[in-house]
């Protein structure tokens, strides 16, 4: 019984100690480098209605469903993948507004996550179409999607699959 109570209690005490030790300035520092307010819809709208405060030096947390995966360079040392991430909002009962972006993942660490060939037995870390992702990325500009439409282009720094 003590072991069961001990772990949550330890976690609460650790959290309380860290909260007291961390000054408020660190939260402001995080907000200066990470934009929590922007989402895929916001970035998509920047193409037609640019926001002068949009900062390409800040990081963005973008979540969405994987619409497509394209291997741009399959050389191990320069492995590059373009992932089309999408989200949508229902407008009434008849129409869906679609928002998308292209995110570039580069480096050998992405070979197992976005394999060049589909396996019959994919690894547990492999990302496939329709998977939901949370990506930390920086805005690189505007490019065209695979249908010729302008979309935000981002460079990924980290990601994780969402349930």
C-alpha atoms as a PDB file:
ATOM      1  CA  UNK A   1       0.000   0.000   0.000  1.00  0.00           C
ATOM      2  CA  UNK A   2       2.818   2.431   0.858  1.00  0.00           C
ATOM      3  CA  UNK A   3       4.510   1.745  -2.483  1.00  0.00           C
ATOM      4  CA  UNK A   4       1.275   2.636  -4.362  1.00  0.00           C
ATOM      5  CA  UNK A   5       0.849   5.900  -2.437  1.00  0.00           C
ATOM      6  CA  UNK A   6       4.559   6.703  -2.564  1.00  0.00           C
ATOM      7  CA  UNK A   7       4.867   7.115  -6.360  1.00  0.00           C
ATOM      8  CA  UNK A   8       1.992   9.599  -6.815  1.00  0.00           C
ATOM      9  CA  UNK A   9       3.030  11.435  -3.661  1.00  0.00           C
ATOM     10  CA  UNK A  10       6.627  11.640  -4.885  1.00  0.00           C
ATOM     11  CA  UNK A  11       5.390  13.006  -8.240  1.00  0.00           C
ATOM     12  CA  UNK A  12       3.286  15.678  -6.537  1.00  0.00           C
ATOM     13  CA  UNK A  13       6.154  16.708  -4.266  1.00  0.00           C
ATOM     14  CA  UNK A  14       8.598  16.816  -7.184  1.00  0.00           C
ATOM     15  CA  UNK A  15       6.175  18.926  -9.234  1.00  0.00           C
ATOM     16  CA  UNK A  16       5.628  21.324  -6.302  1.00  0.00           C
ATOM     17  CA  UNK A  17       9.380  21.678  -5.724  1.00  0.00           C
ATOM     18  CA  UNK A  18      10.109  22.335  -9.414  1.00  0.00           C
ATOM     19  CA  UNK A  19       7.198  24.804  -9.670  1.00  0.00           C
ATOM     20  CA  UNK A  20       8.565  26.843  -6.781  1.00  0.00           C
ATOM     21  CA  UNK A  21      12.093  26.815  -8.172  1.00  0.00           C
ATOM     22  CA  UNK A  22      11.184  27.823 -11.742  1.00  0.00           C
ATOM     23  CA  UNK A  23      10.751  31.579 -12.115  1.00  0.00           C
ATOM     24  CA  UNK A  24       7.920  33.043 -14.199  1.00  0.00           C
ATOM     25  CA  UNK A  25      10.483  34.424 -16.633  1.00  0.00           C
ATOM     26  CA  UNK A  26      11.107  30.920 -17.940  1.00  0.00           C
ATOM     27  CA  UNK A  27       7.465  30.656 -19.039  1.00  0.00           C
ATOM     28  CA  UNK A  28       7.832  33.948 -20.912  1.00  0.00           C
ATOM     29  CA  UNK A  29      11.048  32.663 -22.465  1.00  0.00           C
ATOM     30  CA  UNK A  30       9.209  29.580 -23.713  1.00  0.00           C
ATOM     31  CA  UNK A  31       6.432  31.726 -25.179  1.00  0.00           C
ATOM     32  CA  UNK A  32       9.060  33.737 -27.057  1.00  0.00           C
ATOM     33  CA  UNK A  33      10.292  30.650 -28.907  1.00  0.00           C
ATOM     34  CA  UNK A  34       7.119  28.525 -29.114  1.00  0.00           C
ATOM     35  CA  UNK A  35       3.841  29.789 -30.533  1.00  0.00           C
ATOM     36  CA  UNK A  36       1.026  27.994 -28.718  1.00  0.00           C
ATOM     37  CA  UNK A  37      -1.726  29.983 -30.456  1.00  0.00           C
ATOM     38  CA  UNK A  38      -1.094  28.992 -34.068  1.00  0.00           C
ATOM     39  CA  UNK A  39      -2.647  25.842 -35.468  1.00  0.00           C
ATOM     40  CA  UNK A  40      -2.918  24.356 -38.951  1.00  0.00           C
ATOM     41  CA  UNK A  41      -5.956  26.513 -39.781  1.00  0.00           C
ATOM     42  CA  UNK A  42      -4.096  29.673 -38.743  1.00  0.00           C
ATOM     43  CA  UNK A  43      -0.999  28.794 -40.806  1.00  0.00           C
ATOM     44  CA  UNK A  44      -3.127  27.882 -43.833  1.00  0.00           C
ATOM     45  CA  UNK A  45      -4.930  31.242 -43.636  1.00  0.00           C
ATOM     46  CA  UNK A  46      -1.582  33.068 -43.730  1.00  0.00           C
ATOM     47  CA  UNK A  47      -1.423  32.396 -47.464  1.00  0.00           C
ATOM     48  CA  UNK A  48      -4.437  34.601 -48.206  1.00  0.00           C
ATOM     49  CA  UNK A  49      -4.454  36.846 -45.105  1.00  0.00           C
ATOM     50  CA  UNK A  50      -0.845  37.264 -43.925  1.00  0.00           C
ATOM     51  CA  UNK A  51      -0.318  38.185 -40.284  1.00  0.00           C
ATOM     52  CA  UNK A  52       2.544  40.698 -39.909  1.00  0.00           C
ATOM     53  CA  UNK A  53       3.292  39.208 -36.467  1.00  0.00           C
ATOM     54  CA  UNK A  54       3.911  35.730 -37.890  1.00  0.00           C
ATOM     55  CA  UNK A  55       7.448  34.846 -36.844  1.00  0.00           C
ATOM     56  CA  UNK A  56       9.342  32.197 -38.781  1.00  0.00           C
ATOM     57  CA  UNK A  57      11.978  32.076 -36.034  1.00  0.00           C
ATOM     58  CA  UNK A  58       9.452  30.672 -33.530  1.00  0.00           C
ATOM     59  CA  UNK A  59       8.488  27.031 -33.245  1.00  0.00           C
ATOM     60  CA  UNK A  60       4.915  25.876 -33.870  1.00  0.00           C
ATOM     61  CA  UNK A  61       3.045  22.881 -32.452  1.00  0.00           C
ATOM     62  CA  UNK A  62       1.023  21.545 -35.363  1.00  0.00           C
ATOM     63  CA  UNK A  63      -1.303  18.556 -35.178  1.00  0.00           C
ATOM     64  CA  UNK A  64      -3.134  16.870 -37.995  1.00  0.00           C
ATOM     65  CA  UNK A  65      -3.695  13.690 -39.956  1.00  0.00           C
ATOM     66  CA  UNK A  66      -1.125  12.398 -42.423  1.00  0.00           C
ATOM     67  CA  UNK A  67      -2.627  12.746 -45.914  1.00  0.00           C
ATOM     68  CA  UNK A  68       0.474  11.721 -47.841  1.00  0.00           C
ATOM     69  CA  UNK A  69       4.092  10.731 -47.353  1.00  0.00           C
ATOM     70  CA  UNK A  70       6.656  11.361 -50.093  1.00  0.00           C
ATOM     71  CA  UNK A  71      10.290  10.295 -49.884  1.00  0.00           C
ATOM     72  CA  UNK A  72      12.200  13.194 -51.469  1.00  0.00           C
ATOM     73  CA  UNK A  73      15.697  11.768 -50.899  1.00  0.00           C
ATOM     74  CA  UNK A  74      16.294   8.152 -49.880  1.00  0.00           C
ATOM     75  CA  UNK A  75      20.053   8.413 -49.350  1.00  0.00           C
ATOM     76  CA  UNK A  76      20.681   7.461 -45.703  1.00  0.00           C
ATOM     77  CA  UNK A  77      22.871  10.474 -44.918  1.00  0.00           C
ATOM     78  CA  UNK A  78      20.318  12.955 -46.336  1.00  0.00           C
ATOM     79  CA  UNK A  79      17.036  11.087 -45.871  1.00  0.00           C
ATOM     80  CA  UNK A  80      14.241  13.598 -46.588  1.00  0.00           C
ATOM     81  CA  UNK A  81      10.505  13.064 -46.314  1.00  0.00           C
ATOM     82  CA  UNK A  82       7.650  15.427 -47.188  1.00  0.00           C
ATOM     83  CA  UNK A  83       4.510  14.836 -45.158  1.00  0.00           C
ATOM     84  CA  UNK A  84       1.219  16.468 -46.019  1.00  0.00           C
ATOM     85  CA  UNK A  85      -0.622  17.139 -42.767  1.00  0.00           C
ATOM     86  CA  UNK A  86      -4.341  17.994 -42.932  1.00  0.00           C
ATOM     87  CA  UNK A  87      -7.221  19.043 -40.693  1.00  0.00           C
ATOM     88  CA  UNK A  88     -10.775  19.963 -41.452  1.00  0.00           C
ATOM     89  CA  UNK A  89     -13.777  21.787 -40.053  1.00  0.00           C
ATOM     90  CA  UNK A  90     -17.364  21.114 -40.929  1.00  0.00           C
ATOM     91  CA  UNK A  91     -19.228  24.133 -42.281  1.00  0.00           C
ATOM     92  CA  UNK A  92     -22.860  23.282 -41.621  1.00  0.00           C
ATOM     93  CA  UNK A  93     -23.812  19.767 -42.651  1.00  0.00           C
ATOM     94  CA  UNK A  94     -22.709  19.865 -46.280  1.00  0.00           C
ATOM     95  CA  UNK A  95     -19.181  21.210 -46.572  1.00  0.00           C
ATOM     96  CA  UNK A  96     -15.783  20.588 -44.986  1.00  0.00           C
ATOM     97  CA  UNK A  97     -13.136  23.288 -44.949  1.00  0.00           C
ATOM     98  CA  UNK A  98      -9.716  21.662 -45.402  1.00  0.00           C
ATOM     99  CA  UNK A  99      -6.446  23.031 -44.033  1.00  0.00           C
ATOM    100  CA  UNK A 100      -3.080  21.561 -44.927  1.00  0.00           C
ATOM    101  CA  UNK A 101       0.659  22.069 -44.885  1.00  0.00           C
ATOM    102  CA  UNK A 102       3.776  20.278 -46.081  1.00  0.00           C
ATOM    103  CA  UNK A 103       6.304  19.380 -43.429  1.00  0.00           C
ATOM    104  CA  UNK A 104       9.858  18.355 -44.257  1.00  0.00           C
ATOM    105  CA  UNK A 105      11.524  15.759 -42.050  1.00  0.00           C
ATOM    106  CA  UNK A 106      15.235  15.379 -42.714  1.00  0.00           C
ATOM    107  CA  UNK A 107      17.867  13.062 -41.292  1.00  0.00           C
ATOM    108  CA  UNK A 108      18.684   9.378 -40.945  1.00  0.00           C
ATOM    109  CA  UNK A 109      16.570   9.167 -37.756  1.00  0.00           C
ATOM    110  CA  UNK A 110      13.432   9.342 -39.928  1.00  0.00           C
ATOM    111  CA  UNK A 111      14.203   6.226 -42.011  1.00  0.00           C
ATOM    112  CA  UNK A 112      12.403   3.891 -39.591  1.00  0.00           C
ATOM    113  CA  UNK A 113       9.605   6.356 -38.902  1.00  0.00           C
ATOM    114  CA  UNK A 114       8.864   7.005 -42.602  1.00  0.00           C
ATOM    115  CA  UNK A 115      10.236   3.931 -44.400  1.00  0.00           C
ATOM    116  CA  UNK A 116      10.828   4.173 -48.158  1.00  0.00           C
ATOM    117  CA  UNK A 117       9.030   0.859 -48.689  1.00  0.00           C
ATOM    118  CA  UNK A 118       5.972  -0.398 -46.863  1.00  0.00           C
ATOM    119  CA  UNK A 119       6.624  -3.496 -44.846  1.00  0.00           C
ATOM    120  CA  UNK A 120       4.209  -6.352 -44.320  1.00  0.00           C
ATOM    121  CA  UNK A 121       5.117  -6.083 -40.644  1.00  0.00           C
ATOM    122  CA  UNK A 122       5.664  -2.366 -40.012  1.00  0.00           C
ATOM    123  CA  UNK A 123       7.549  -1.331 -36.898  1.00  0.00           C
ATOM    124  CA  UNK A 124       5.586   0.199 -34.045  1.00  0.00           C
ATOM    125  CA  UNK A 125       7.223   3.571 -34.708  1.00  0.00           C
ATOM    126  CA  UNK A 126       6.416   3.664 -38.458  1.00  0.00           C
ATOM    127  CA  UNK A 127       4.004   6.430 -39.452  1.00  0.00           C
ATOM    128  CA  UNK A 128       1.398   5.670 -42.086  1.00  0.00           C
ATOM    129  CA  UNK A 129      -1.294   7.563 -43.918  1.00  0.00           C
ATOM    130  CA  UNK A 130      -4.186   8.715 -41.649  1.00  0.00           C
ATOM    131  CA  UNK A 131      -2.024   8.612 -38.508  1.00  0.00           C
ATOM    132  CA  UNK A 132      -2.407  11.682 -36.309  1.00  0.00           C
ATOM    133  CA  UNK A 133       0.809  13.552 -35.529  1.00  0.00           C
ATOM    134  CA  UNK A 134       1.919  16.352 -33.254  1.00  0.00           C
ATOM    135  CA  UNK A 135       4.879  18.133 -34.841  1.00  0.00           C
ATOM    136  CA  UNK A 136       7.266  20.787 -33.554  1.00  0.00           C
ATOM    137  CA  UNK A 137       8.285  22.778 -36.619  1.00  0.00           C
ATOM    138  CA  UNK A 138       9.380  26.139 -37.935  1.00  0.00           C
ATOM    139  CA  UNK A 139       7.740  27.941 -40.814  1.00  0.00           C
ATOM    140  CA  UNK A 140       9.926  27.913 -43.930  1.00  0.00           C
ATOM    141  CA  UNK A 141       7.585  29.728 -46.324  1.00  0.00           C
ATOM    142  CA  UNK A 142       4.914  28.803 -48.834  1.00  0.00           C
ATOM    143  CA  UNK A 143       5.061  25.980 -51.365  1.00  0.00           C
ATOM    144  CA  UNK A 144       2.592  24.042 -53.500  1.00  0.00           C
ATOM    145  CA  UNK A 145       0.901  20.851 -52.407  1.00  0.00           C
ATOM    146  CA  UNK A 146       0.650  17.840 -54.694  1.00  0.00           C
ATOM    147  CA  UNK A 147      -2.453  19.352 -56.337  1.00  0.00           C
ATOM    148  CA  UNK A 148      -0.783  22.692 -57.131  1.00  0.00           C
ATOM    149  CA  UNK A 149      -2.422  24.657 -54.292  1.00  0.00           C
ATOM    150  CA  UNK A 150      -0.326  27.025 -52.161  1.00  0.00           C
ATOM    151  CA  UNK A 151       0.282  25.669 -48.635  1.00  0.00           C
ATOM    152  CA  UNK A 152       2.537  26.554 -45.698  1.00  0.00           C
ATOM    153  CA  UNK A 153       5.910  24.790 -45.754  1.00  0.00           C
ATOM    154  CA  UNK A 154       7.464  23.818 -42.419  1.00  0.00           C
ATOM    155  CA  UNK A 155      10.665  22.130 -41.295  1.00  0.00           C
ATOM    156  CA  UNK A 156      10.191  19.538 -38.544  1.00  0.00           C
ATOM    157  CA  UNK A 157      12.330  19.392 -35.430  1.00  0.00           C
ATOM    158  CA  UNK A 158      10.454  16.666 -33.576  1.00  0.00           C
ATOM    159  CA  UNK A 159       7.207  14.745 -33.720  1.00  0.00           C
ATOM    160  CA  UNK A 160       5.091  12.136 -32.029  1.00  0.00           C
ATOM    161  CA  UNK A 161       2.121  10.070 -33.043  1.00  0.00           C
ATOM    162  CA  UNK A 162      -1.155  10.911 -31.310  1.00  0.00           C
ATOM    163  CA  UNK A 163      -3.747   8.286 -30.409  1.00  0.00           C
END
